[in-house]
Amino acid sequence: MIQTAHQDLLARWLCERIGYMPTPWLKCIANVSPEGKIRGVVGFDAWNGASCEMHVAGEGNWVTRELLRAVFDYAFGVAGLNVLIGMVPSTNERALRFDKHVGFEEVGRIRDGAPGGDLVILQLRRENCRYLESENGQQTHAAAA
Protein backbone atom coordinates (compact mmCIF):
# COMPACT_ATOMS: atom_id res chain seq x y z
CA MET A 1 0.00 0.00 0.00
CA ILE A 2 1.16 3.53 -0.72
CA GLN A 3 1.85 5.66 2.33
CA THR A 4 2.79 9.30 2.86
CA ALA A 5 2.07 9.54 6.60
CA HIS A 6 4.87 9.44 9.18
CA GLN A 7 7.29 11.50 7.09
CA ASP A 8 10.00 11.43 9.80
CA LEU A 9 10.00 7.63 9.86
CA LEU A 10 10.01 7.32 6.05
CA ALA A 11 12.80 9.90 5.72
CA ARG A 12 14.95 8.17 8.33
CA TRP A 13 14.44 4.78 6.63
CA LEU A 14 15.42 6.19 3.23
CA CYS A 15 18.37 8.28 4.39
CA GLU A 16 19.92 5.47 6.44
CA ARG A 17 19.96 3.22 3.37
CA ILE A 18 21.39 5.70 0.90
CA GLY A 19 23.64 7.73 3.21
CA TYR A 20 21.78 10.94 2.51
CA MET A 21 21.63 14.09 4.64
CA PRO A 22 18.21 15.60 3.89
CA THR A 23 17.01 19.17 4.01
CA PRO A 24 13.95 19.97 6.15
CA TRP A 25 11.87 19.90 2.92
CA LEU A 26 12.38 16.20 2.10
CA LYS A 27 9.04 14.59 1.17
CA CYS A 28 8.62 10.80 0.96
CA ILE A 29 6.26 8.27 -0.57
CA ALA A 30 6.53 4.65 0.55
CA ASN A 31 5.38 1.20 -0.41
CA VAL A 32 4.37 -0.47 2.85
CA SER A 33 3.28 -4.07 3.36
CA PRO A 34 -0.20 -4.80 4.80
CA GLU A 35 1.60 -5.58 8.08
CA GLY A 36 3.15 -2.09 8.12
CA LYS A 37 6.70 -3.03 7.07
CA ILE A 38 8.38 -0.46 4.83
CA ARG A 39 9.34 -2.08 1.53
CA GLY A 40 10.73 0.98 -0.20
CA VAL A 41 10.75 4.76 -0.11
CA VAL A 42 11.05 7.45 -2.77
CA GLY A 43 12.15 10.86 -1.51
CA PHE A 44 12.05 14.30 -3.09
CA ASP A 45 14.49 16.98 -1.96
CA ALA A 46 16.56 19.97 -3.15
CA TRP A 47 13.44 21.74 -4.43
CA ASN A 48 13.81 24.88 -6.57
CA GLY A 49 10.29 25.34 -7.93
CA ALA A 50 10.89 23.73 -11.33
CA SER A 51 12.80 20.59 -10.34
CA CYS A 52 13.98 18.53 -7.41
CA GLU A 53 16.20 15.56 -6.74
CA MET A 54 14.63 12.11 -6.42
CA HIS A 55 16.15 9.55 -4.03
CA VAL A 56 15.20 5.88 -3.93
CA ALA A 57 15.77 2.85 -1.68
CA GLY A 58 13.96 -0.44 -1.37
CA GLU A 59 14.14 -4.06 -0.34
CA GLY A 60 12.94 -7.04 -2.32
CA ASN A 61 10.16 -6.67 -4.86
CA TRP A 62 8.92 -3.25 -3.76
CA VAL A 63 8.42 -1.29 -6.98
CA THR A 64 4.85 -1.47 -8.26
CA ARG A 65 2.99 0.37 -11.01
CA GLU A 66 0.77 1.85 -8.26
CA LEU A 67 3.84 3.27 -6.51
CA LEU A 68 5.32 4.64 -9.74
CA ARG A 69 2.06 6.34 -10.61
CA ALA A 70 1.82 7.86 -7.12
CA VAL A 71 5.44 9.05 -7.23
CA PHE A 72 5.22 10.70 -10.63
CA ASP A 73 1.74 12.09 -10.03
CA TYR A 74 3.06 13.77 -6.89
CA ALA A 75 6.15 15.18 -8.62
CA PHE A 76 4.55 16.37 -11.82
CA GLY A 77 0.88 16.76 -10.90
CA VAL A 78 0.76 17.87 -7.27
CA ALA A 79 4.15 19.61 -6.98
CA GLY A 80 3.99 20.88 -10.56
CA LEU A 81 7.62 20.13 -11.36
CA ASN A 82 9.03 20.21 -14.88
CA VAL A 83 11.96 17.88 -14.24
CA LEU A 84 13.11 15.26 -11.74
CA ILE A 85 16.86 14.94 -11.21
CA GLY A 86 18.79 11.85 -10.21
CA MET A 87 22.44 11.76 -9.20
CA VAL A 88 23.87 8.26 -9.09
CA PRO A 89 27.44 7.01 -8.64
CA SER A 90 28.62 5.31 -11.83
CA THR A 91 29.50 2.28 -9.71
CA ASN A 92 25.84 1.77 -8.72
CA GLU A 93 24.81 -0.13 -11.84
CA ARG A 94 21.60 -1.41 -10.26
CA ALA A 95 20.34 2.11 -9.52
CA LEU A 96 21.33 3.32 -13.00
CA ARG A 97 19.41 0.43 -14.60
CA PHE A 98 16.36 1.18 -12.44
CA ASP A 99 16.42 4.89 -13.22
CA LYS A 100 16.78 4.34 -16.95
CA HIS A 101 14.06 1.67 -16.88
CA VAL A 102 11.53 4.12 -15.42
CA GLY A 103 12.45 6.76 -17.99
CA PHE A 104 15.36 8.82 -16.70
CA GLU A 105 18.02 9.73 -19.24
CA GLU A 106 21.66 10.53 -18.64
CA VAL A 107 22.41 14.20 -19.27
CA GLY A 108 25.93 14.45 -17.87
CA ARG A 109 28.68 13.15 -15.66
CA ILE A 110 30.93 14.72 -13.11
CA ARG A 111 34.25 12.94 -13.48
CA ASP A 112 35.45 11.54 -10.14
CA GLY A 113 32.37 13.08 -8.49
CA ALA A 114 31.52 9.95 -6.52
CA PRO A 115 33.63 7.58 -4.44
CA GLY A 116 35.21 5.13 -6.89
CA GLY A 117 33.83 6.72 -10.04
CA ASP A 118 31.84 9.41 -11.74
CA LEU A 119 28.62 11.02 -10.58
CA VAL A 120 25.99 10.38 -13.26
CA ILE A 121 23.39 13.13 -13.67
CA LEU A 122 19.97 11.94 -14.88
CA GLN A 123 16.73 13.72 -15.69
CA LEU A 124 13.12 12.77 -16.23
CA ARG A 125 11.05 15.48 -17.84
CA ARG A 126 7.30 15.65 -17.27
CA GLU A 127 6.55 15.19 -20.99
CA ASN A 128 8.63 11.99 -21.06
CA CYS A 129 7.03 10.36 -18.00
CA ARG A 130 5.03 7.31 -19.02
CA TYR A 131 3.40 6.81 -15.60
CA LEU A 132 1.17 9.88 -15.63
CA GLU A 133 -2.56 9.51 -16.17
CA SER A 134 -4.94 11.95 -17.77
CA GLU A 135 -8.22 12.97 -16.16
CA ASN A 136 -10.02 10.02 -17.81
CA GLY A 137 -7.54 7.47 -16.40
CA GLN A 138 -5.66 6.90 -19.65
CA GLN A 139 -1.91 7.17 -20.01
CA THR A 140 -0.75 10.53 -21.31
CA HIS A 141 2.36 9.12 -22.96
CA ALA A 142 2.37 6.68 -25.86
CA ALA A 143 5.25 4.64 -24.41
CA ALA A 144 3.24 3.55 -21.37
CA ALA A 145 2.87 -0.15 -20.89
C-alpha atoms as a PDB file:
ATOM      1  CA  MET A   1       0.000   0.000   0.000  1.00  0.00           C
ATOM      2  CA  ILE A   2       1.156   3.533  -0.720  1.00  0.00           C
ATOM      3  CA  GLN A   3       1.853   5.660   2.333  1.00  0.00           C
ATOM      4  CA  THR A   4       2.791   9.296   2.864  1.00  0.00           C
ATOM      5  CA  ALA A   5       2.070   9.538   6.601  1.00  0.00           C
ATOM      6  CA  HIS A   6       4.873   9.439   9.179  1.00  0.00           C
ATOM      7  CA  GLN A   7       7.288  11.499   7.089  1.00  0.00           C
ATOM      8  CA  ASP A   8       9.996  11.427   9.799  1.00  0.00           C
ATOM      9  CA  LEU A   9      10.005   7.625   9.856  1.00  0.00           C
ATOM     10  CA  LEU A  10      10.010   7.323   6.054  1.00  0.00           C
ATOM     11  CA  ALA A  11      12.797   9.904   5.718  1.00  0.00           C
ATOM     12  CA  ARG A  12      14.948   8.170   8.331  1.00  0.00           C
ATOM     13  CA  TRP A  13      14.442   4.783   6.627  1.00  0.00           C
ATOM     14  CA  LEU A  14      15.423   6.193   3.229  1.00  0.00           C
ATOM     15  CA  CYS A  15      18.372   8.281   4.390  1.00  0.00           C
ATOM     16  CA  GLU A  16      19.917   5.466   6.443  1.00  0.00           C
ATOM     17  CA  ARG A  17      19.962   3.223   3.374  1.00  0.00           C
ATOM     18  CA  ILE A  18      21.392   5.696   0.904  1.00  0.00           C
ATOM     19  CA  GLY A  19      23.641   7.726   3.206  1.00  0.00           C
ATOM     20  CA  TYR A  20      21.782  10.945   2.511  1.00  0.00           C
ATOM     21  CA  MET A  21      21.629  14.086   4.640  1.00  0.00           C
ATOM     22  CA  PRO A  22      18.207  15.599   3.890  1.00  0.00           C
ATOM     23  CA  THR A  23      17.012  19.170   4.012  1.00  0.00           C
ATOM     24  CA  PRO A  24      13.955  19.971   6.146  1.00  0.00           C
ATOM     25  CA  TRP A  25      11.872  19.899   2.925  1.00  0.00           C
ATOM     26  CA  LEU A  26      12.377  16.197   2.099  1.00  0.00           C
ATOM     27  CA  LYS A  27       9.041  14.586   1.171  1.00  0.00           C
ATOM     28  CA  CYS A  28       8.618  10.803   0.958  1.00  0.00           C
ATOM     29  CA  ILE A  29       6.263   8.269  -0.570  1.00  0.00           C
ATOM     30  CA  ALA A  30       6.532   4.651   0.554  1.00  0.00           C
ATOM     31  CA  ASN A  31       5.377   1.199  -0.409  1.00  0.00           C
ATOM     32  CA  VAL A  32       4.371  -0.471   2.848  1.00  0.00           C
ATOM     33  CA  SER A  33       3.277  -4.069   3.356  1.00  0.00           C
ATOM     34  CA  PRO A  34      -0.199  -4.801   4.800  1.00  0.00           C
ATOM     35  CA  GLU A  35       1.596  -5.579   8.078  1.00  0.00           C
ATOM     36  CA  GLY A  36       3.147  -2.087   8.122  1.00  0.00           C
ATOM     37  CA  LYS A  37       6.699  -3.029   7.069  1.00  0.00           C
ATOM     38  CA  ILE A  38       8.378  -0.461   4.832  1.00  0.00           C
ATOM     39  CA  ARG A  39       9.335  -2.081   1.528  1.00  0.00           C
ATOM     40  CA  GLY A  40      10.730   0.985  -0.196  1.00  0.00           C
ATOM     41  CA  VAL A  41      10.749   4.760  -0.111  1.00  0.00           C
ATOM     42  CA  VAL A  42      11.054   7.452  -2.768  1.00  0.00           C
ATOM     43  CA  GLY A  43      12.147  10.855  -1.507  1.00  0.00           C
ATOM     44  CA  PHE A  44      12.053  14.303  -3.093  1.00  0.00           C
ATOM     45  CA  ASP A  45      14.489  16.976  -1.963  1.00  0.00           C
ATOM     46  CA  ALA A  46      16.555  19.972  -3.149  1.00  0.00           C
ATOM     47  CA  TRP A  47      13.438  21.740  -4.434  1.00  0.00           C
ATOM     48  CA  ASN A  48      13.814  24.878  -6.574  1.00  0.00           C
ATOM     49  CA  GLY A  49      10.286  25.340  -7.931  1.00  0.00           C
ATOM     50  CA  ALA A  50      10.890  23.730 -11.330  1.00  0.00           C
ATOM     51  CA  SER A  51      12.796  20.592 -10.337  1.00  0.00           C
ATOM     52  CA  CYS A  52      13.975  18.529  -7.414  1.00  0.00           C
ATOM     53  CA  GLU A  53      16.202  15.556  -6.741  1.00  0.00           C
ATOM     54  CA  MET A  54      14.628  12.115  -6.423  1.00  0.00           C
ATOM     55  CA  HIS A  55      16.149   9.546  -4.033  1.00  0.00           C
ATOM     56  CA  VAL A  56      15.202   5.876  -3.930  1.00  0.00           C
ATOM     57  CA  ALA A  57      15.773   2.847  -1.676  1.00  0.00           C
ATOM     58  CA  GLY A  58      13.955  -0.441  -1.374  1.00  0.00           C
ATOM     59  CA  GLU A  59      14.142  -4.058  -0.343  1.00  0.00           C
ATOM     60  CA  GLY A  60      12.941  -7.040  -2.319  1.00  0.00           C
ATOM     61  CA  ASN A  61      10.161  -6.670  -4.857  1.00  0.00           C
ATOM     62  CA  TRP A  62       8.924  -3.247  -3.758  1.00  0.00           C
ATOM     63  CA  VAL A  63       8.421  -1.285  -6.981  1.00  0.00           C
ATOM     64  CA  THR A  64       4.854  -1.474  -8.262  1.00  0.00           C
ATOM     65  CA  ARG A  65       2.989   0.370 -11.006  1.00  0.00           C
ATOM     66  CA  GLU A  66       0.774   1.847  -8.259  1.00  0.00           C
ATOM     67  CA  LEU A  67       3.838   3.272  -6.513  1.00  0.00           C
ATOM     68  CA  LEU A  68       5.322   4.640  -9.737  1.00  0.00           C
ATOM     69  CA  ARG A  69       2.056   6.344 -10.610  1.00  0.00           C
ATOM     70  CA  ALA A  70       1.822   7.858  -7.117  1.00  0.00           C
ATOM     71  CA  VAL A  71       5.443   9.048  -7.230  1.00  0.00           C
ATOM     72  CA  PHE A  72       5.225  10.703 -10.625  1.00  0.00           C
ATOM     73  CA  ASP A  73       1.736  12.091 -10.033  1.00  0.00           C
ATOM     74  CA  TYR A  74       3.058  13.765  -6.893  1.00  0.00           C
ATOM     75  CA  ALA A  75       6.152  15.179  -8.616  1.00  0.00           C
ATOM     76  CA  PHE A  76       4.549  16.371 -11.825  1.00  0.00           C
ATOM     77  CA  GLY A  77       0.883  16.761 -10.897  1.00  0.00           C
ATOM     78  CA  VAL A  78       0.764  17.871  -7.269  1.00  0.00           C
ATOM     79  CA  ALA A  79       4.148  19.614  -6.978  1.00  0.00           C
ATOM     80  CA  GLY A  80       3.986  20.881 -10.564  1.00  0.00           C
ATOM     81  CA  LEU A  81       7.620  20.134 -11.364  1.00  0.00           C
ATOM     82  CA  ASN A  82       9.034  20.207 -14.880  1.00  0.00           C
ATOM     83  CA  VAL A  83      11.960  17.875 -14.242  1.00  0.00           C
ATOM     84  CA  LEU A  84      13.110  15.264 -11.739  1.00  0.00           C
ATOM     85  CA  ILE A  85      16.855  14.944 -11.208  1.00  0.00           C
ATOM     86  CA  GLY A  86      18.791  11.851 -10.210  1.00  0.00           C
ATOM     87  CA  MET A  87      22.440  11.758  -9.200  1.00  0.00           C
ATOM     88  CA  VAL A  88      23.871   8.263  -9.091  1.00  0.00           C
ATOM     89  CA  PRO A  89      27.441   7.011  -8.645  1.00  0.00           C
ATOM     90  CA  SER A  90      28.617   5.307 -11.834  1.00  0.00           C
ATOM     91  CA  THR A  91      29.499   2.278  -9.713  1.00  0.00           C
ATOM     92  CA  ASN A  92      25.838   1.768  -8.723  1.00  0.00           C
ATOM     93  CA  GLU A  93      24.811  -0.130 -11.841  1.00  0.00           C
ATOM     94  CA  ARG A  94      21.601  -1.414 -10.264  1.00  0.00           C
ATOM     95  CA  ALA A  95      20.343   2.114  -9.524  1.00  0.00           C
ATOM     96  CA  LEU A  96      21.325   3.319 -12.996  1.00  0.00           C
ATOM     97  CA  ARG A  97      19.409   0.429 -14.595  1.00  0.00           C
ATOM     98  CA  PHE A  98      16.363   1.175 -12.437  1.00  0.00           C
ATOM     99  CA  ASP A  99      16.418   4.893 -13.217  1.00  0.00           C
ATOM    100  CA  LYS A 100      16.780   4.338 -16.949  1.00  0.00           C
ATOM    101  CA  HIS A 101      14.060   1.670 -16.879  1.00  0.00           C
ATOM    102  CA  VAL A 102      11.529   4.122 -15.421  1.00  0.00           C
ATOM    103  CA  GLY A 103      12.449   6.759 -17.987  1.00  0.00           C
ATOM    104  CA  PHE A 104      15.358   8.816 -16.696  1.00  0.00           C
ATOM    105  CA  GLU A 105      18.025   9.733 -19.243  1.00  0.00           C
ATOM    106  CA  GLU A 106      21.658  10.532 -18.637  1.00  0.00           C
ATOM    107  CA  VAL A 107      22.412  14.202 -19.268  1.00  0.00           C
ATOM    108  CA  GLY A 108      25.926  14.446 -17.872  1.00  0.00           C
ATOM    109  CA  ARG A 109      28.680  13.154 -15.659  1.00  0.00           C
ATOM    110  CA  ILE A 110      30.933  14.718 -13.106  1.00  0.00           C
ATOM    111  CA  ARG A 111      34.249  12.940 -13.482  1.00  0.00           C
ATOM    112  CA  ASP A 112      35.448  11.540 -10.142  1.00  0.00           C
ATOM    113  CA  GLY A 113      32.370  13.084  -8.494  1.00  0.00           C
ATOM    114  CA  ALA A 114      31.517   9.947  -6.515  1.00  0.00           C
ATOM    115  CA  PRO A 115      33.628   7.577  -4.439  1.00  0.00           C
ATOM    116  CA  GLY A 116      35.206   5.128  -6.887  1.00  0.00           C
ATOM    117  CA  GLY A 117      33.831   6.724 -10.035  1.00  0.00           C
ATOM    118  CA  ASP A 118      31.836   9.406 -11.735  1.00  0.00           C
ATOM    119  CA  LEU A 119      28.615  11.021 -10.582  1.00  0.00           C
ATOM    120  CA  VAL A 120      25.990  10.383 -13.264  1.00  0.00           C
ATOM    121  CA  ILE A 121      23.387  13.131 -13.672  1.00  0.00           C
ATOM    122  CA  LEU A 122      19.970  11.944 -14.885  1.00  0.00           C
ATOM    123  CA  GLN A 123      16.732  13.721 -15.693  1.00  0.00           C
ATOM    124  CA  LEU A 124      13.125  12.766 -16.225  1.00  0.00           C
ATOM    125  CA  ARG A 125      11.049  15.480 -17.843  1.00  0.00           C
ATOM    126  CA  ARG A 126       7.303  15.653 -17.272  1.00  0.00           C
ATOM    127  CA  GLU A 127       6.551  15.186 -20.989  1.00  0.00           C
ATOM    128  CA  ASN A 128       8.628  11.992 -21.057  1.00  0.00           C
ATOM    129  CA  CYS A 129       7.033  10.365 -18.000  1.00  0.00           C
ATOM    130  CA  ARG A 130       5.034   7.312 -19.016  1.00  0.00           C
ATOM    131  CA  TYR A 131       3.398   6.814 -15.602  1.00  0.00           C
ATOM    132  CA  LEU A 132       1.170   9.883 -15.628  1.00  0.00           C
ATOM    133  CA  GLU A 133      -2.559   9.511 -16.170  1.00  0.00           C
ATOM    134  CA  SER A 134      -4.940  11.954 -17.766  1.00  0.00           C
ATOM    135  CA  GLU A 135      -8.221  12.971 -16.155  1.00  0.00           C
ATOM    136  CA  ASN A 136     -10.016  10.020 -17.806  1.00  0.00           C
ATOM    137  CA  GLY A 137      -7.540   7.473 -16.399  1.00  0.00           C
ATOM    138  CA  GLN A 138      -5.656   6.904 -19.655  1.00  0.00           C
ATOM    139  CA  GLN A 139      -1.907   7.167 -20.012  1.00  0.00           C
ATOM    140  CA  THR A 140      -0.746  10.529 -21.315  1.00  0.00           C
ATOM    141  CA  HIS A 141       2.363   9.121 -22.965  1.00  0.00           C
ATOM    142  CA  ALA A 142       2.373   6.678 -25.855  1.00  0.00           C
ATOM    143  CA  ALA A 143       5.254   4.637 -24.408  1.00  0.00           C
ATOM    144  CA  ALA A 144       3.244   3.551 -21.369  1.00  0.00           C
ATOM    145  CA  ALA A 145       2.874  -0.149 -20.886  1.00  0.00           C
END
